[in-house]
Amino acid sequence: MDDDSEKNFVRRVGEQERRKLKAGKSVTIWSGLGMMGLVGWSVAVPTLLGTALGLWLDDRYPGRHSWTLALLMAGLTLGCLNAWRWVAKENREIHK
């Protein structure tokens, strides 16, 4: 390795390290609250959509079993799986 390519390599490594340190410091209380809000909405929206669809189906097609309860549970399950997947992805990104 000649002197110029070694200096170039050291400079690039230094820049990458500075970017990593800056990214690690960018997590603030507000970004943490924002992430919690995003996780909450990712659970709430499918749950509410399932409930609304269930109410509509119960109104149109009344039957022995409640569409509202079934779709509420389906929406809640889908929302929790979605939130779990998102949090796991963020955790992998943080530890990368």
C-alpha atoms as a PDB file:
ATOM      1  CA  MET A   1       0.000   0.000   0.000  1.00  0.00           C
ATOM      2  CA  ASP A   2       1.521   3.341  -0.948  1.00  0.00           C
ATOM      3  CA  ASP A   3       1.380   6.415   1.279  1.00  0.00           C
ATOM      4  CA  ASP A   4      -1.494   8.162  -0.594  1.00  0.00           C
ATOM      5  CA  SER A   5      -3.799   5.140  -0.631  1.00  0.00           C
ATOM      6  CA  GLU A   6      -3.108   4.524   3.060  1.00  0.00           C
ATOM      7  CA  LYS A   7      -4.010   8.135   3.912  1.00  0.00           C
ATOM      8  CA  ASN A   8      -7.148   7.843   1.790  1.00  0.00           C
ATOM      9  CA  PHE A   9      -8.137   4.635   3.579  1.00  0.00           C
ATOM     10  CA  VAL A  10      -7.555   6.181   7.021  1.00  0.00           C
ATOM     11  CA  ARG A  11      -9.614   9.241   6.017  1.00  0.00           C
ATOM     12  CA  ARG A  12     -12.545   7.088   4.810  1.00  0.00           C
ATOM     13  CA  VAL A  13     -12.505   4.987   7.984  1.00  0.00           C
ATOM     14  CA  GLY A  14     -12.449   8.156  10.075  1.00  0.00           C
ATOM     15  CA  GLU A  15     -15.455   9.585   8.189  1.00  0.00           C
ATOM     16  CA  GLN A  16     -17.427   6.373   8.680  1.00  0.00           C
ATOM     17  CA  GLU A  17     -16.637   6.379  12.394  1.00  0.00           C
ATOM     18  CA  ARG A  18     -17.773  10.005  12.750  1.00  0.00           C
ATOM     19  CA  ARG A  19     -21.065   9.167  10.970  1.00  0.00           C
ATOM     20  CA  LYS A  20     -21.640   6.209  13.287  1.00  0.00           C
ATOM     21  CA  LEU A  21     -20.979   8.285  16.391  1.00  0.00           C
ATOM     22  CA  LYS A  22     -23.273  11.057  15.139  1.00  0.00           C
ATOM     23  CA  ALA A  23     -26.044   8.543  14.356  1.00  0.00           C
ATOM     24  CA  GLY A  24     -25.752   7.032  17.824  1.00  0.00           C
ATOM     25  CA  LYS A  25     -26.152  10.431  19.467  1.00  0.00           C
ATOM     26  CA  SER A  26     -29.191  11.367  17.375  1.00  0.00           C
ATOM     27  CA  VAL A  27     -31.565   9.235  19.486  1.00  0.00           C
ATOM     28  CA  THR A  28     -33.396  11.691  21.703  1.00  0.00           C
ATOM     29  CA  ILE A  29     -36.361  11.469  24.008  1.00  0.00           C
ATOM     30  CA  TRP A  30     -38.541  12.904  21.246  1.00  0.00           C
ATOM     31  CA  SER A  31     -37.449  10.300  18.717  1.00  0.00           C
ATOM     32  CA  GLY A  32     -38.144   7.593  21.318  1.00  0.00           C
ATOM     33  CA  LEU A  33     -41.635   8.988  21.933  1.00  0.00           C
ATOM     34  CA  GLY A  34     -42.179   9.163  18.184  1.00  0.00           C
ATOM     35  CA  MET A  35     -41.256   5.495  17.840  1.00  0.00           C
ATOM     36  CA  MET A  36     -43.659   4.552  20.640  1.00  0.00           C
ATOM     37  CA  GLY A  37     -46.398   6.519  18.900  1.00  0.00           C
ATOM     38  CA  LEU A  38     -45.683   4.777  15.628  1.00  0.00           C
ATOM     39  CA  VAL A  39     -45.860   1.367  17.305  1.00  0.00           C
ATOM     40  CA  GLY A  40     -49.141   2.362  18.974  1.00  0.00           C
ATOM     41  CA  TRP A  41     -50.691   3.473  15.708  1.00  0.00           C
ATOM     42  CA  SER A  42     -49.507   0.323  13.938  1.00  0.00           C
ATOM     43  CA  VAL A  43     -51.593  -1.659  16.463  1.00  0.00           C
ATOM     44  CA  ALA A  44     -54.545   0.742  16.755  1.00  0.00           C
ATOM     45  CA  VAL A  45     -55.279   1.242  13.048  1.00  0.00           C
ATOM     46  CA  PRO A  46     -55.760  -2.442  12.077  1.00  0.00           C
ATOM     47  CA  THR A  47     -57.769  -3.005  15.269  1.00  0.00           C
ATOM     48  CA  LEU A  48     -60.108  -0.109  14.512  1.00  0.00           C
ATOM     49  CA  LEU A  49     -60.444  -1.082  10.857  1.00  0.00           C
ATOM     50  CA  GLY A  50     -61.311  -4.652  11.828  1.00  0.00           C
ATOM     51  CA  THR A  51     -63.869  -3.405  14.338  1.00  0.00           C
ATOM     52  CA  ALA A  52     -65.453  -1.031  11.807  1.00  0.00           C
ATOM     53  CA  LEU A  53     -65.680  -3.777   9.187  1.00  0.00           C
ATOM     54  CA  GLY A  54     -67.129  -6.148  11.785  1.00  0.00           C
ATOM     55  CA  LEU A  55     -69.798  -3.621  12.796  1.00  0.00           C
ATOM     56  CA  TRP A  56     -70.716  -3.109   9.158  1.00  0.00           C
ATOM     57  CA  LEU A  57     -70.925  -6.885   8.538  1.00  0.00           C
ATOM     58  CA  ASP A  58     -72.981  -7.436  11.715  1.00  0.00           C
ATOM     59  CA  ASP A  59     -75.396  -4.742  10.567  1.00  0.00           C
ATOM     60  CA  ARG A  60     -75.726  -6.179   7.043  1.00  0.00           C
ATOM     61  CA  TYR A  61     -75.512  -9.900   7.813  1.00  0.00           C
ATOM     62  CA  PRO A  62     -76.628 -10.597  11.378  1.00  0.00           C
ATOM     63  CA  GLY A  63     -75.907 -14.108  12.500  1.00  0.00           C
ATOM     64  CA  ARG A  64     -75.188 -16.328  15.408  1.00  0.00           C
ATOM     65  CA  HIS A  65     -71.558 -15.210  15.746  1.00  0.00           C
ATOM     66  CA  SER A  66     -70.232 -11.670  16.025  1.00  0.00           C
ATOM     67  CA  TRP A  67     -68.205 -10.403  13.092  1.00  0.00           C
ATOM     68  CA  THR A  68     -67.187  -7.446  15.226  1.00  0.00           C
ATOM     69  CA  LEU A  69     -65.447  -9.582  17.838  1.00  0.00           C
ATOM     70  CA  ALA A  70     -63.801 -11.835  15.284  1.00  0.00           C
ATOM     71  CA  LEU A  71     -62.463  -8.975  13.176  1.00  0.00           C
ATOM     72  CA  LEU A  72     -61.454  -6.970  16.238  1.00  0.00           C
ATOM     73  CA  MET A  73     -59.265  -9.902  17.315  1.00  0.00           C
ATOM     74  CA  ALA A  74     -57.944 -10.367  13.777  1.00  0.00           C
ATOM     75  CA  GLY A  75     -57.047  -6.664  13.528  1.00  0.00           C
ATOM     76  CA  LEU A  76     -55.419  -6.694  16.950  1.00  0.00           C
ATOM     77  CA  THR A  77     -53.367  -9.764  16.048  1.00  0.00           C
ATOM     78  CA  LEU A  78     -52.331  -8.272  12.726  1.00  0.00           C
ATOM     79  CA  GLY A  79     -51.399  -4.980  14.389  1.00  0.00           C
ATOM     80  CA  CYS A  80     -49.321  -6.688  17.077  1.00  0.00           C
ATOM     81  CA  LEU A  81     -47.486  -8.778  14.484  1.00  0.00           C
ATOM     82  CA  ASN A  82     -46.838  -5.661  12.430  1.00  0.00           C
ATOM     83  CA  ALA A  83     -45.499  -3.770  15.469  1.00  0.00           C
ATOM     84  CA  TRP A  84     -43.339  -6.722  16.510  1.00  0.00           C
ATOM     85  CA  ARG A  85     -41.869  -6.976  13.004  1.00  0.00           C
ATOM     86  CA  TRP A  86     -41.145  -3.233  12.904  1.00  0.00           C
ATOM     87  CA  VAL A  87     -39.487  -3.190  16.351  1.00  0.00           C
ATOM     88  CA  ALA A  88     -37.375  -6.250  15.472  1.00  0.00           C
ATOM     89  CA  LYS A  89     -36.244  -4.540  12.244  1.00  0.00           C
ATOM     90  CA  GLU A  90     -35.314  -1.353  14.114  1.00  0.00           C
ATOM     91  CA  ASN A  91     -33.426  -3.409  16.717  1.00  0.00           C
ATOM     92  CA  ARG A  92     -31.423  -5.122  13.960  1.00  0.00           C
ATOM     93  CA  GLU A  93     -30.615  -1.728  12.416  1.00  0.00           C
ATOM     94  CA  ILE A  94     -29.446  -0.323  15.761  1.00  0.00           C
ATOM     95  CA  HIS A  95     -27.176  -3.298  16.455  1.00  0.00           C
ATOM     96  CA  LYS A  96     -25.741  -3.362  12.936  1.00  0.00           C
END
